[in-house]
Protein backbone atom coordinates (compact mmCIF):
# COMPACT_ATOMS: atom_id res chain seq x y z
CA MET A 1 2.70 -178.85 205.06
CA LEU A 2 3.91 -175.61 203.47
CA VAL A 3 7.34 -176.09 205.05
CA LYS A 4 7.60 -179.60 203.59
CA LEU A 5 6.61 -178.32 200.16
CA GLN A 6 9.20 -175.55 200.34
CA GLU A 7 11.84 -178.09 201.35
CA ILE A 8 10.90 -180.30 198.41
CA GLU A 9 11.02 -177.36 196.01
CA GLN A 10 14.48 -176.39 197.28
CA ALA A 11 15.71 -179.97 196.94
CA ILE A 12 14.38 -180.19 193.38
CA ASP A 13 16.17 -176.96 192.49
CA GLN A 14 19.44 -178.69 193.41
CA LEU A 15 18.92 -181.75 191.20
CA SER A 16 20.91 -182.39 188.05
CA GLN A 17 19.06 -182.70 184.75
CA SER A 18 19.32 -186.49 184.81
CA GLU A 19 17.91 -186.55 188.35
CA ILE A 20 15.04 -184.30 187.24
CA ASP A 21 14.37 -186.70 184.35
CA GLU A 22 14.28 -189.59 186.84
CA LEU A 23 11.88 -187.61 189.05
CA HIS A 24 9.57 -186.94 186.09
CA SER A 25 9.56 -190.64 185.26
CA TRP A 26 8.81 -191.59 188.85
CA LEU A 27 5.99 -189.05 189.09
CA ASP A 28 4.47 -190.29 185.82
CA GLN A 29 4.50 -193.86 187.13
CA HIS A 30 3.26 -193.17 190.65
CA HIS A 31 1.08 -190.09 190.30
CA PRO A 32 -0.35 -189.90 186.78
CA HIS A 33 -2.37 -186.85 185.90
CA SER A 34 -6.11 -187.33 185.87
CA ILE A 35 -6.19 -186.67 182.11
CA ASP A 36 -3.65 -189.46 181.60
CA ILE A 37 -5.83 -191.81 183.63
CA ARG A 38 -8.93 -190.90 181.58
CA ILE A 39 -7.10 -191.31 178.28
CA GLN A 40 -5.72 -194.68 179.34
CA ARG A 41 -9.14 -195.84 180.49
CA ASP A 42 -10.70 -194.74 177.19
CA ALA A 43 -7.92 -196.43 175.21
CA ASP A 44 -8.27 -199.66 177.17
CA SER A 45 -12.03 -199.72 176.57
CA GLY A 46 -11.64 -199.14 172.82
CA ARG A 47 -13.42 -195.80 172.90
CA LEU A 48 -10.55 -194.09 171.05
CA HIS A 49 -10.32 -196.50 168.09
CA ASP A 50 -12.66 -194.56 165.79
CA THR A 51 -11.04 -191.26 166.73
CA MET A 52 -7.56 -192.61 166.07
CA ASP A 53 -8.62 -194.16 162.76
CA ARG A 54 -10.11 -190.85 161.65
CA ALA A 55 -6.96 -188.97 162.68
CA VAL A 56 -4.73 -191.37 160.74
CA LYS A 57 -6.93 -191.04 157.64
CA ASP A 58 -6.98 -187.25 157.92
CA GLU A 59 -3.19 -187.17 158.17
CA ALA A 60 -2.78 -189.53 155.20
CA GLN A 61 -5.10 -187.35 153.10
CA GLY A 62 -3.24 -184.14 154.01
CA ARG A 63 -6.05 -182.68 156.12
CA THR A 64 -3.79 -181.88 159.07
CA THR A 65 -1.34 -179.13 159.88
CA PRO A 66 1.85 -179.37 161.92
CA LEU A 67 1.70 -178.00 165.43
């Protein structure tokens, strides 16, 4: 397994920027991070509506700071 991983790492190092972008896109579609899955599940269930509404109101009232 370690040899395969090293081979993959070496192959990635040889990719162009556009190929790396394509790889990122593919990974996002096929192997989403667990946090992405949880956020999507919460969004689909409506559990984020109140939080998003509060964030939008806070931003409109100037109670936020840029990152």
